[in-house]
């Protein structure tokens, strides 16, 4: 048996080009890897709650709300991560049947609609966060959960949703600019070295 026989055949995933389109997207992906640990932290404190509740008959008042907040933040930050890695859901019936020139125009249209959508959603998230962070007199006052622990998690989660949408707005603007300059939306094996 030669050394060539011992090599593992490359999978399609190994040969796939990097879908990240900009330096900003690379930064988002890097930050998302850190934010992914929020789910692990949520799992850890859930285990702590189970041990305290059933092992020591001493339930906590803070675990449930903390877990909900951590998971909500990780979901919110998943949007920019999916957009950065070009891993969002899309229906490609028309796109796959189109020629290269039409694909470029479809990419431009898609990036324009994505930017406009993210811009509108960022504005809506700002209004939602403003209401959650200010009282009717316009003074800073974070919305609280209303439980016995009463943390300001509702306001913080709404702030993270707003931040995630603003990040997606910047990403989609960069993608739209790239599309109108002629850079393809998805890398092909030919332009793998150009990235």
N, C-alpha and C. Protein backbone atom coordinates (compact mmCIF):
# COMPACT_ATOMS: atom_id res chain seq x y z
N UNK A 1 0.83 -1.17 0.00
CA UNK A 1 0.00 0.00 0.00
C UNK A 1 0.89 1.25 0.00
N UNK A 2 0.65 2.16 -0.92
CA UNK A 2 1.49 3.36 -1.02
C UNK A 2 0.92 4.48 -0.15
N UNK A 3 1.70 5.55 -0.04
CA UNK A 3 1.23 6.72 0.73
C UNK A 3 0.01 7.33 0.08
N UNK A 4 -0.09 7.20 -1.24
CA UNK A 4 -1.23 7.78 -1.94
C UNK A 4 -2.53 7.09 -1.53
N UNK A 5 -2.47 5.80 -1.21
CA UNK A 5 -3.67 5.06 -0.81
C UNK A 5 -4.14 5.46 0.58
N UNK A 6 -3.21 5.97 1.43
CA UNK A 6 -3.55 6.35 2.79
C UNK A 6 -4.23 7.72 2.86
N UNK A 7 -4.15 8.51 1.80
CA UNK A 7 -4.74 9.84 1.83
C UNK A 7 -6.26 9.77 1.85
N UNK A 8 -6.83 10.65 2.63
CA UNK A 8 -8.29 10.74 2.72
C UNK A 8 -8.76 11.57 1.52
N UNK A 9 -9.75 11.08 0.78
CA UNK A 9 -10.22 11.87 -0.36
C UNK A 9 -10.86 13.17 0.11
N UNK A 10 -10.61 14.22 -0.64
CA UNK A 10 -11.15 15.54 -0.30
C UNK A 10 -12.65 15.54 -0.53
N UNK A 11 -13.36 16.09 0.41
CA UNK A 11 -14.80 16.20 0.26
C UNK A 11 -15.13 17.51 -0.46
N UNK A 12 -16.36 17.64 -0.87
CA UNK A 12 -16.79 18.87 -1.54
C UNK A 12 -16.68 20.06 -0.59
N UNK A 13 -16.87 19.82 0.71
CA UNK A 13 -16.77 20.88 1.70
C UNK A 13 -15.34 21.39 1.81
N UNK A 14 -14.36 20.47 1.70
CA UNK A 14 -12.95 20.86 1.77
C UNK A 14 -12.57 21.72 0.56
N UNK A 15 -13.19 21.48 -0.58
CA UNK A 15 -12.84 22.19 -1.80
C UNK A 15 -13.67 23.46 -1.99
N UNK A 16 -14.68 23.66 -1.17
CA UNK A 16 -15.56 24.81 -1.34
C UNK A 16 -14.79 26.09 -1.03
N UNK A 17 -15.00 27.14 -1.83
CA UNK A 17 -14.34 28.41 -1.57
C UNK A 17 -14.91 29.09 -0.33
N UNK A 18 -14.14 29.99 0.22
CA UNK A 18 -14.58 30.74 1.40
C UNK A 18 -15.68 31.70 0.99
N UNK A 19 -16.88 31.60 1.59
CA UNK A 19 -17.99 32.45 1.17
C UNK A 19 -17.95 33.86 1.76
N UNK A 20 -17.02 34.15 2.67
CA UNK A 20 -16.94 35.46 3.31
C UNK A 20 -16.52 36.49 2.27
N UNK A 21 -17.29 37.59 2.17
CA UNK A 21 -17.11 38.54 1.08
C UNK A 21 -16.29 39.77 1.41
N UNK A 22 -16.06 40.07 2.70
CA UNK A 22 -15.34 41.30 3.03
C UNK A 22 -14.58 41.14 4.34
N UNK A 23 -13.71 42.10 4.60
CA UNK A 23 -12.96 42.12 5.86
C UNK A 23 -13.92 42.30 7.03
N UNK A 24 -14.94 43.13 6.84
CA UNK A 24 -15.95 43.33 7.89
C UNK A 24 -16.62 42.00 8.21
N UNK A 25 -16.97 41.22 7.17
CA UNK A 25 -17.59 39.91 7.39
C UNK A 25 -16.66 38.97 8.15
N UNK A 26 -15.35 39.03 7.83
CA UNK A 26 -14.40 38.19 8.56
C UNK A 26 -14.39 38.56 10.04
N UNK A 27 -14.48 39.85 10.36
CA UNK A 27 -14.55 40.28 11.75
C UNK A 27 -15.82 39.80 12.43
N UNK A 28 -16.94 39.84 11.69
CA UNK A 28 -18.21 39.36 12.23
C UNK A 28 -18.14 37.87 12.53
N UNK A 29 -17.56 37.09 11.62
CA UNK A 29 -17.42 35.65 11.83
C UNK A 29 -16.54 35.38 13.05
N UNK A 30 -15.46 36.14 13.19
CA UNK A 30 -14.56 35.96 14.33
C UNK A 30 -15.30 36.25 15.64
N UNK A 31 -16.06 37.33 15.68
CA UNK A 31 -16.84 37.68 16.88
C UNK A 31 -17.94 36.65 17.14
N UNK A 32 -18.55 36.13 16.08
CA UNK A 32 -19.62 35.15 16.23
C UNK A 32 -19.11 33.86 16.86
N UNK A 33 -17.88 33.51 16.57
CA UNK A 33 -17.32 32.31 17.20
C UNK A 33 -17.23 32.48 18.71
N UNK A 34 -16.91 33.68 19.15
CA UNK A 34 -16.90 33.96 20.59
C UNK A 34 -18.30 33.99 21.17
N UNK A 35 -19.23 34.60 20.44
CA UNK A 35 -20.62 34.70 20.92
C UNK A 35 -21.29 33.33 20.98
N UNK A 36 -20.81 32.38 20.20
CA UNK A 36 -21.39 31.04 20.21
C UNK A 36 -21.23 30.38 21.58
N UNK A 37 -20.26 30.83 22.36
CA UNK A 37 -20.06 30.28 23.70
C UNK A 37 -21.18 30.66 24.65
N UNK A 38 -22.01 31.62 24.27
CA UNK A 38 -23.14 31.99 25.13
C UNK A 38 -24.09 30.81 25.34
N UNK A 39 -24.24 29.98 24.30
CA UNK A 39 -25.10 28.80 24.42
C UNK A 39 -24.49 27.81 25.41
N UNK A 40 -23.18 27.66 25.37
CA UNK A 40 -22.49 26.77 26.30
C UNK A 40 -22.65 27.28 27.74
N UNK A 41 -22.53 28.60 27.92
CA UNK A 41 -22.72 29.18 29.25
C UNK A 41 -24.15 28.95 29.73
N UNK A 42 -25.12 29.13 28.82
CA UNK A 42 -26.54 28.89 29.18
C UNK A 42 -26.75 27.44 29.60
N UNK A 43 -26.11 26.52 28.88
CA UNK A 43 -26.23 25.10 29.25
C UNK A 43 -25.60 24.85 30.60
N UNK A 44 -24.45 25.48 30.88
CA UNK A 44 -23.76 25.28 32.15
C UNK A 44 -24.58 25.76 33.33
N UNK A 45 -25.20 26.94 33.20
CA UNK A 45 -25.99 27.42 34.34
C UNK A 45 -27.31 26.66 34.46
N UNK A 46 -27.79 26.08 33.36
CA UNK A 46 -28.98 25.22 33.45
C UNK A 46 -28.66 23.95 34.24
N UNK A 47 -27.48 23.40 33.99
CA UNK A 47 -27.05 22.22 34.74
C UNK A 47 -26.90 22.59 36.22
N UNK A 48 -26.33 23.76 36.49
CA UNK A 48 -26.21 24.24 37.87
C UNK A 48 -27.58 24.31 38.54
N UNK A 49 -28.58 24.84 37.82
CA UNK A 49 -29.93 24.95 38.38
C UNK A 49 -30.51 23.58 38.70
N UNK A 50 -30.33 22.61 37.80
CA UNK A 50 -30.86 21.26 38.04
C UNK A 50 -30.21 20.65 39.29
N UNK A 51 -28.90 20.82 39.42
CA UNK A 51 -28.20 20.28 40.59
C UNK A 51 -28.69 20.95 41.87
N UNK A 52 -28.82 22.28 41.84
CA UNK A 52 -29.27 23.01 43.03
C UNK A 52 -30.72 22.66 43.39
N UNK A 53 -31.57 22.54 42.37
CA UNK A 53 -32.99 22.30 42.63
C UNK A 53 -33.23 20.87 43.13
N UNK A 54 -32.68 19.88 42.41
CA UNK A 54 -32.99 18.49 42.73
C UNK A 54 -31.97 17.83 43.65
N UNK A 55 -30.74 18.35 43.64
CA UNK A 55 -29.73 17.76 44.52
C UNK A 55 -29.72 18.38 45.90
N UNK A 56 -29.97 19.69 45.98
CA UNK A 56 -29.87 20.39 47.26
C UNK A 56 -31.18 21.07 47.68
N UNK A 57 -32.25 20.86 46.90
CA UNK A 57 -33.55 21.45 47.19
C UNK A 57 -33.44 22.97 47.44
N UNK A 58 -32.63 23.61 46.58
CA UNK A 58 -32.39 25.05 46.72
C UNK A 58 -32.44 25.70 45.33
N UNK A 59 -33.64 25.83 44.78
CA UNK A 59 -33.74 26.40 43.43
C UNK A 59 -33.30 27.87 43.39
N UNK A 60 -32.86 28.29 42.23
CA UNK A 60 -32.41 29.68 42.05
C UNK A 60 -33.54 30.51 41.45
N UNK A 61 -33.41 31.81 41.54
CA UNK A 61 -34.41 32.71 40.95
C UNK A 61 -33.87 33.38 39.69
N UNK A 62 -32.61 33.16 39.38
CA UNK A 62 -31.98 33.90 38.29
C UNK A 62 -31.65 33.06 37.06
N UNK A 63 -31.65 31.75 37.16
CA UNK A 63 -31.16 30.93 36.05
C UNK A 63 -32.07 31.00 34.83
N UNK A 64 -33.37 30.84 35.01
CA UNK A 64 -34.27 30.79 33.86
C UNK A 64 -34.16 32.06 33.01
N UNK A 65 -34.22 33.22 33.65
CA UNK A 65 -34.14 34.47 32.90
C UNK A 65 -32.77 34.66 32.26
N UNK A 66 -31.72 34.22 32.94
CA UNK A 66 -30.37 34.33 32.38
C UNK A 66 -30.22 33.46 31.14
N UNK A 67 -30.75 32.24 31.20
CA UNK A 67 -30.68 31.33 30.06
C UNK A 67 -31.45 31.90 28.87
N UNK A 68 -32.65 32.39 29.13
CA UNK A 68 -33.45 32.98 28.05
C UNK A 68 -32.71 34.16 27.42
N UNK A 69 -32.10 35.01 28.23
CA UNK A 69 -31.37 36.16 27.72
C UNK A 69 -30.16 35.73 26.89
N UNK A 70 -29.38 34.78 27.40
CA UNK A 70 -28.18 34.33 26.68
C UNK A 70 -28.54 33.69 25.34
N UNK A 71 -29.57 32.87 25.33
CA UNK A 71 -29.98 32.22 24.08
C UNK A 71 -30.55 33.25 23.11
N UNK A 72 -31.33 34.20 23.61
CA UNK A 72 -31.88 35.25 22.74
C UNK A 72 -30.76 36.08 22.10
N UNK A 73 -29.74 36.41 22.87
CA UNK A 73 -28.61 37.18 22.33
C UNK A 73 -27.86 36.36 21.29
N UNK A 74 -27.67 35.07 21.55
CA UNK A 74 -26.96 34.24 20.57
C UNK A 74 -27.76 34.10 19.28
N UNK A 75 -29.09 34.02 19.39
CA UNK A 75 -29.93 33.97 18.19
C UNK A 75 -29.84 35.28 17.42
N UNK A 76 -29.87 36.40 18.14
CA UNK A 76 -29.79 37.71 17.48
C UNK A 76 -28.48 37.85 16.74
N UNK A 77 -27.38 37.41 17.35
CA UNK A 77 -26.07 37.52 16.71
C UNK A 77 -25.87 36.48 15.63
N UNK A 78 -26.76 35.50 15.56
CA UNK A 78 -26.68 34.51 14.49
C UNK A 78 -27.02 35.09 13.13
N UNK A 79 -27.84 36.15 13.10
CA UNK A 79 -28.18 36.79 11.83
C UNK A 79 -26.97 37.36 11.11
N UNK A 80 -26.18 38.23 11.77
CA UNK A 80 -24.97 38.73 11.12
C UNK A 80 -23.98 37.62 10.77
N UNK A 81 -23.89 36.59 11.63
CA UNK A 81 -22.97 35.48 11.34
C UNK A 81 -23.39 34.73 10.08
N UNK A 82 -24.69 34.49 9.93
CA UNK A 82 -25.18 33.78 8.74
C UNK A 82 -24.98 34.64 7.49
N UNK A 83 -25.22 35.93 7.59
CA UNK A 83 -25.03 36.83 6.45
C UNK A 83 -23.55 36.93 6.09
N UNK A 84 -22.68 36.96 7.08
CA UNK A 84 -21.23 37.05 6.83
C UNK A 84 -20.71 35.80 6.14
N UNK A 85 -21.20 34.63 6.55
CA UNK A 85 -20.75 33.38 5.96
C UNK A 85 -21.53 32.96 4.74
N UNK A 86 -22.45 33.82 4.28
CA UNK A 86 -23.29 33.53 3.11
C UNK A 86 -24.02 32.21 3.31
N UNK A 87 -24.56 32.01 4.53
CA UNK A 87 -25.21 30.76 4.89
C UNK A 87 -26.69 30.93 5.18
N UNK A 88 -27.27 32.04 4.74
CA UNK A 88 -28.69 32.27 4.98
C UNK A 88 -29.52 31.44 3.99
N UNK A 89 -30.78 31.25 4.33
CA UNK A 89 -31.67 30.43 3.51
C UNK A 89 -32.08 31.23 2.28
N UNK A 90 -32.06 30.57 1.13
CA UNK A 90 -32.52 31.23 -0.08
C UNK A 90 -33.16 30.21 -1.02
N UNK A 91 -34.08 30.70 -1.82
CA UNK A 91 -34.72 29.87 -2.84
C UNK A 91 -34.01 30.18 -4.15
N UNK A 92 -33.41 29.17 -4.75
CA UNK A 92 -32.55 29.39 -5.90
C UNK A 92 -33.13 28.86 -7.21
N UNK A 93 -34.43 28.75 -7.31
CA UNK A 93 -35.03 28.19 -8.52
C UNK A 93 -34.67 29.05 -9.74
N UNK A 94 -34.90 30.35 -9.66
CA UNK A 94 -34.57 31.24 -10.77
C UNK A 94 -33.07 31.42 -10.92
N UNK A 95 -32.37 31.55 -9.82
CA UNK A 95 -30.95 31.83 -9.84
C UNK A 95 -30.16 30.71 -10.54
N UNK A 96 -30.47 29.47 -10.22
CA UNK A 96 -29.73 28.35 -10.82
C UNK A 96 -29.99 28.21 -12.31
N UNK A 97 -31.17 28.65 -12.77
CA UNK A 97 -31.49 28.55 -14.19
C UNK A 97 -30.95 29.73 -15.00
N UNK A 98 -30.50 30.77 -14.33
CA UNK A 98 -30.06 32.00 -15.01
C UNK A 98 -28.64 31.86 -15.51
N UNK A 99 -28.35 32.64 -16.54
CA UNK A 99 -26.99 32.73 -17.07
C UNK A 99 -26.14 33.66 -16.22
N UNK A 100 -24.84 33.77 -16.52
CA UNK A 100 -23.94 34.58 -15.69
C UNK A 100 -24.35 36.06 -15.61
N UNK A 101 -24.80 36.63 -16.72
CA UNK A 101 -25.17 38.05 -16.71
C UNK A 101 -26.42 38.29 -15.85
N UNK A 102 -27.43 37.43 -16.02
CA UNK A 102 -28.64 37.57 -15.21
C UNK A 102 -28.34 37.31 -13.74
N UNK A 103 -27.43 36.38 -13.46
CA UNK A 103 -27.06 36.12 -12.06
C UNK A 103 -26.46 37.37 -11.43
N UNK A 104 -25.63 38.10 -12.17
CA UNK A 104 -25.06 39.34 -11.63
C UNK A 104 -26.16 40.33 -11.26
N UNK A 105 -27.17 40.45 -12.14
CA UNK A 105 -28.27 41.37 -11.86
C UNK A 105 -29.15 40.87 -10.71
N UNK A 106 -29.33 39.56 -10.63
CA UNK A 106 -30.08 39.00 -9.50
C UNK A 106 -29.33 39.23 -8.19
N UNK A 107 -27.99 39.10 -8.22
CA UNK A 107 -27.18 39.38 -7.03
C UNK A 107 -27.35 40.84 -6.61
N UNK A 108 -27.32 41.74 -7.58
CA UNK A 108 -27.48 43.16 -7.29
C UNK A 108 -28.86 43.45 -6.70
N UNK A 109 -29.88 42.87 -7.29
CA UNK A 109 -31.24 43.06 -6.79
C UNK A 109 -31.38 42.50 -5.38
N UNK A 110 -30.85 41.30 -5.16
CA UNK A 110 -30.91 40.65 -3.85
C UNK A 110 -30.19 41.50 -2.80
N UNK A 111 -29.01 41.99 -3.14
CA UNK A 111 -28.25 42.80 -2.18
C UNK A 111 -28.94 44.12 -1.89
N UNK A 112 -29.58 44.72 -2.89
CA UNK A 112 -30.31 45.97 -2.68
C UNK A 112 -31.52 45.74 -1.77
N UNK A 113 -32.28 44.68 -2.04
CA UNK A 113 -33.46 44.37 -1.21
C UNK A 113 -33.02 44.03 0.22
N UNK A 114 -31.93 43.28 0.36
CA UNK A 114 -31.43 42.93 1.69
C UNK A 114 -31.03 44.18 2.46
N UNK A 115 -30.34 45.10 1.78
CA UNK A 115 -29.94 46.35 2.44
C UNK A 115 -31.16 47.15 2.89
N UNK A 116 -32.14 47.30 2.00
CA UNK A 116 -33.34 48.07 2.35
C UNK A 116 -34.11 47.41 3.49
N UNK A 117 -34.19 46.08 3.46
CA UNK A 117 -34.86 45.35 4.54
C UNK A 117 -34.13 45.56 5.87
N UNK A 118 -32.81 45.41 5.86
CA UNK A 118 -32.03 45.58 7.10
C UNK A 118 -32.11 47.02 7.61
N UNK A 119 -32.15 47.97 6.70
CA UNK A 119 -32.28 49.37 7.09
C UNK A 119 -33.62 49.62 7.79
N UNK A 120 -34.69 49.10 7.19
CA UNK A 120 -36.03 49.25 7.79
C UNK A 120 -36.11 48.52 9.13
N UNK A 121 -35.56 47.33 9.21
CA UNK A 121 -35.60 46.56 10.46
C UNK A 121 -34.74 47.22 11.54
N UNK A 122 -33.63 47.85 11.14
CA UNK A 122 -32.79 48.56 12.11
C UNK A 122 -33.55 49.72 12.72
N UNK A 123 -34.31 50.42 11.90
CA UNK A 123 -35.12 51.53 12.40
C UNK A 123 -36.20 51.02 13.37
N UNK A 124 -36.85 49.93 12.98
CA UNK A 124 -37.88 49.35 13.85
C UNK A 124 -37.26 48.86 15.17
N UNK A 125 -36.07 48.27 15.10
CA UNK A 125 -35.39 47.80 16.31
C UNK A 125 -34.97 48.97 17.19
N UNK A 126 -34.57 50.09 16.55
CA UNK A 126 -34.23 51.28 17.33
C UNK A 126 -35.44 51.78 18.11
N UNK A 127 -36.60 51.84 17.46
CA UNK A 127 -37.82 52.28 18.14
C UNK A 127 -38.16 51.34 19.30
N UNK A 128 -38.02 50.03 19.05
CA UNK A 128 -38.30 49.04 20.09
C UNK A 128 -37.34 49.20 21.27
N UNK A 129 -36.05 49.41 20.97
CA UNK A 129 -35.07 49.59 22.04
C UNK A 129 -35.29 50.91 22.78
N UNK A 130 -35.65 51.96 22.04
CA UNK A 130 -35.90 53.25 22.68
C UNK A 130 -37.03 53.12 23.71
N UNK A 131 -38.11 52.45 23.32
CA UNK A 131 -39.23 52.26 24.24
C UNK A 131 -38.83 51.42 25.46
N UNK A 132 -37.90 50.47 25.24
CA UNK A 132 -37.46 49.60 26.33
C UNK A 132 -36.41 50.24 27.22
N UNK A 133 -35.82 51.34 26.77
CA UNK A 133 -34.73 51.95 27.54
C UNK A 133 -35.06 53.34 28.07
N UNK A 134 -36.23 53.85 27.74
CA UNK A 134 -36.63 55.19 28.20
C UNK A 134 -38.06 55.16 28.72
N UNK A 135 -38.31 55.94 29.75
CA UNK A 135 -39.67 56.03 30.26
C UNK A 135 -40.47 57.03 29.41
N UNK A 136 -41.76 57.19 29.65
CA UNK A 136 -42.56 58.11 28.83
C UNK A 136 -42.08 59.56 28.83
N UNK A 137 -41.27 59.95 29.82
CA UNK A 137 -40.75 61.31 29.88
C UNK A 137 -39.43 61.46 29.12
N UNK A 138 -38.96 60.37 28.52
CA UNK A 138 -37.71 60.41 27.75
C UNK A 138 -36.47 60.20 28.60
N UNK A 139 -36.63 59.84 29.85
CA UNK A 139 -35.49 59.60 30.74
C UNK A 139 -35.05 58.14 30.62
N UNK A 140 -33.74 57.93 30.78
CA UNK A 140 -33.17 56.58 30.71
C UNK A 140 -33.74 55.71 31.81
N UNK A 141 -34.40 54.62 31.44
CA UNK A 141 -35.01 53.71 32.40
C UNK A 141 -35.21 52.37 31.71
N UNK A 142 -34.36 51.41 32.04
CA UNK A 142 -34.39 50.12 31.35
C UNK A 142 -35.62 49.30 31.74
N UNK A 143 -36.25 48.72 30.73
CA UNK A 143 -37.37 47.80 30.96
C UNK A 143 -36.86 46.58 31.72
N UNK A 144 -37.61 46.15 32.71
CA UNK A 144 -37.21 45.01 33.52
C UNK A 144 -38.20 43.87 33.35
N UNK A 145 -37.81 42.70 33.82
CA UNK A 145 -38.62 41.50 33.59
C UNK A 145 -39.88 41.44 34.44
N UNK A 146 -39.89 42.09 35.59
CA UNK A 146 -41.06 42.08 36.46
C UNK A 146 -41.14 40.89 37.38
N UNK A 147 -40.10 40.08 37.44
CA UNK A 147 -40.08 38.93 38.35
C UNK A 147 -39.48 39.34 39.69
N UNK A 148 -39.31 38.38 40.58
CA UNK A 148 -38.72 38.69 41.89
C UNK A 148 -37.27 39.14 41.74
N UNK A 149 -36.56 38.61 40.77
CA UNK A 149 -35.17 39.03 40.52
C UNK A 149 -35.15 40.36 39.77
N UNK A 150 -36.02 40.50 38.77
CA UNK A 150 -36.27 41.75 38.05
C UNK A 150 -35.05 42.35 37.34
N UNK A 151 -34.33 41.56 36.52
CA UNK A 151 -33.18 42.13 35.81
C UNK A 151 -33.64 42.94 34.59
N UNK A 152 -32.78 43.79 34.05
CA UNK A 152 -33.14 44.59 32.86
C UNK A 152 -32.91 43.82 31.56
N UNK A 153 -33.09 42.51 31.57
CA UNK A 153 -32.81 41.69 30.40
C UNK A 153 -33.68 42.02 29.18
N UNK A 154 -34.98 42.35 29.35
CA UNK A 154 -35.76 42.68 28.15
C UNK A 154 -35.15 43.85 27.37
N UNK A 155 -34.71 44.88 28.06
CA UNK A 155 -34.09 46.02 27.38
C UNK A 155 -32.76 45.62 26.75
N UNK A 156 -31.97 44.81 27.46
CA UNK A 156 -30.68 44.39 26.92
C UNK A 156 -30.84 43.53 25.67
N UNK A 157 -31.80 42.64 25.68
CA UNK A 157 -32.03 41.78 24.50
C UNK A 157 -32.48 42.64 23.32
N UNK A 158 -33.35 43.60 23.56
CA UNK A 158 -33.80 44.48 22.48
C UNK A 158 -32.64 45.33 21.95
N UNK A 159 -31.73 45.71 22.84
CA UNK A 159 -30.53 46.42 22.40
C UNK A 159 -29.63 45.55 21.54
N UNK A 160 -29.51 44.27 21.90
CA UNK A 160 -28.70 43.35 21.09
C UNK A 160 -29.34 43.07 19.74
N UNK A 161 -30.66 43.01 19.70
CA UNK A 161 -31.36 42.84 18.42
C UNK A 161 -31.08 44.05 17.53
N UNK A 162 -31.13 45.25 18.11
CA UNK A 162 -30.84 46.45 17.35
C UNK A 162 -29.40 46.43 16.84
N UNK A 163 -28.46 46.07 17.71
CA UNK A 163 -27.06 46.00 17.31
C UNK A 163 -26.85 45.00 16.18
N UNK A 164 -27.46 43.82 16.29
CA UNK A 164 -27.33 42.80 15.25
C UNK A 164 -27.86 43.31 13.92
N UNK A 165 -28.99 44.01 13.94
CA UNK A 165 -29.56 44.53 12.70
C UNK A 165 -28.72 45.66 12.12
N UNK A 166 -28.12 46.49 12.96
CA UNK A 166 -27.22 47.52 12.45
C UNK A 166 -26.00 46.89 11.79
N UNK A 167 -25.46 45.85 12.41
CA UNK A 167 -24.33 45.13 11.81
C UNK A 167 -24.75 44.55 10.46
N UNK A 168 -25.94 43.94 10.40
CA UNK A 168 -26.42 43.37 9.13
C UNK A 168 -26.64 44.47 8.08
N UNK A 169 -27.03 45.65 8.53
CA UNK A 169 -27.21 46.78 7.62
C UNK A 169 -25.87 47.17 6.99
N UNK A 170 -24.83 47.24 7.81
CA UNK A 170 -23.49 47.56 7.30
C UNK A 170 -23.02 46.46 6.35
N UNK A 171 -23.21 45.21 6.75
CA UNK A 171 -22.81 44.08 5.90
C UNK A 171 -23.51 44.15 4.56
N UNK A 172 -24.83 44.33 4.58
CA UNK A 172 -25.59 44.33 3.33
C UNK A 172 -25.22 45.53 2.46
N UNK A 173 -24.86 46.66 3.06
CA UNK A 173 -24.40 47.81 2.28
C UNK A 173 -23.08 47.48 1.58
N UNK A 174 -22.17 46.84 2.31
CA UNK A 174 -20.89 46.42 1.71
C UNK A 174 -21.14 45.43 0.58
N UNK A 175 -22.01 44.45 0.81
CA UNK A 175 -22.32 43.45 -0.22
C UNK A 175 -22.95 44.12 -1.45
N UNK A 176 -23.85 45.07 -1.21
CA UNK A 176 -24.50 45.77 -2.32
C UNK A 176 -23.47 46.56 -3.12
N UNK A 177 -22.57 47.23 -2.44
CA UNK A 177 -21.51 47.99 -3.12
C UNK A 177 -20.64 47.06 -3.94
N UNK A 178 -20.29 45.92 -3.39
CA UNK A 178 -19.48 44.94 -4.12
C UNK A 178 -20.22 44.44 -5.36
N UNK A 179 -21.51 44.18 -5.22
CA UNK A 179 -22.29 43.68 -6.36
C UNK A 179 -22.34 44.69 -7.48
N UNK A 180 -22.57 45.95 -7.14
CA UNK A 180 -22.65 46.97 -8.18
C UNK A 180 -21.28 47.28 -8.79
N UNK A 181 -20.21 46.91 -8.12
CA UNK A 181 -18.87 47.05 -8.69
C UNK A 181 -18.46 45.83 -9.50
N UNK A 182 -19.30 44.79 -9.45
CA UNK A 182 -19.04 43.62 -10.28
C UNK A 182 -18.42 42.45 -9.57
N UNK A 183 -18.22 42.53 -8.25
CA UNK A 183 -17.69 41.38 -7.52
C UNK A 183 -18.80 40.38 -7.31
N UNK A 184 -18.59 39.09 -7.63
CA UNK A 184 -19.66 38.10 -7.50
C UNK A 184 -20.08 37.91 -6.04
N UNK A 185 -21.37 37.59 -5.87
CA UNK A 185 -21.92 37.41 -4.52
C UNK A 185 -21.37 36.17 -3.85
N UNK A 186 -21.10 35.15 -4.63
CA UNK A 186 -20.54 33.93 -4.07
C UNK A 186 -19.27 33.62 -4.83
N UNK A 187 -18.26 33.21 -4.08
CA UNK A 187 -16.98 32.90 -4.71
C UNK A 187 -17.08 31.60 -5.49
N UNK A 188 -16.37 31.56 -6.58
CA UNK A 188 -16.28 30.33 -7.37
C UNK A 188 -14.87 29.79 -7.22
N UNK A 189 -14.61 28.53 -7.58
CA UNK A 189 -13.27 28.00 -7.45
C UNK A 189 -12.24 28.83 -8.21
N UNK A 190 -12.66 29.53 -9.30
CA UNK A 190 -11.72 30.33 -10.07
C UNK A 190 -11.22 31.54 -9.30
N UNK A 191 -12.07 32.16 -8.49
CA UNK A 191 -11.64 33.36 -7.77
C UNK A 191 -11.28 33.05 -6.31
N UNK A 192 -11.04 31.79 -6.01
CA UNK A 192 -10.64 31.41 -4.65
C UNK A 192 -9.31 32.05 -4.28
N UNK A 193 -8.39 32.05 -5.19
CA UNK A 193 -7.08 32.63 -4.92
C UNK A 193 -7.12 34.13 -4.84
N UNK A 194 -8.14 34.77 -5.41
CA UNK A 194 -8.21 36.23 -5.42
C UNK A 194 -8.70 36.78 -4.09
N UNK A 195 -9.22 35.92 -3.22
CA UNK A 195 -9.75 36.44 -1.95
C UNK A 195 -8.67 36.70 -0.99
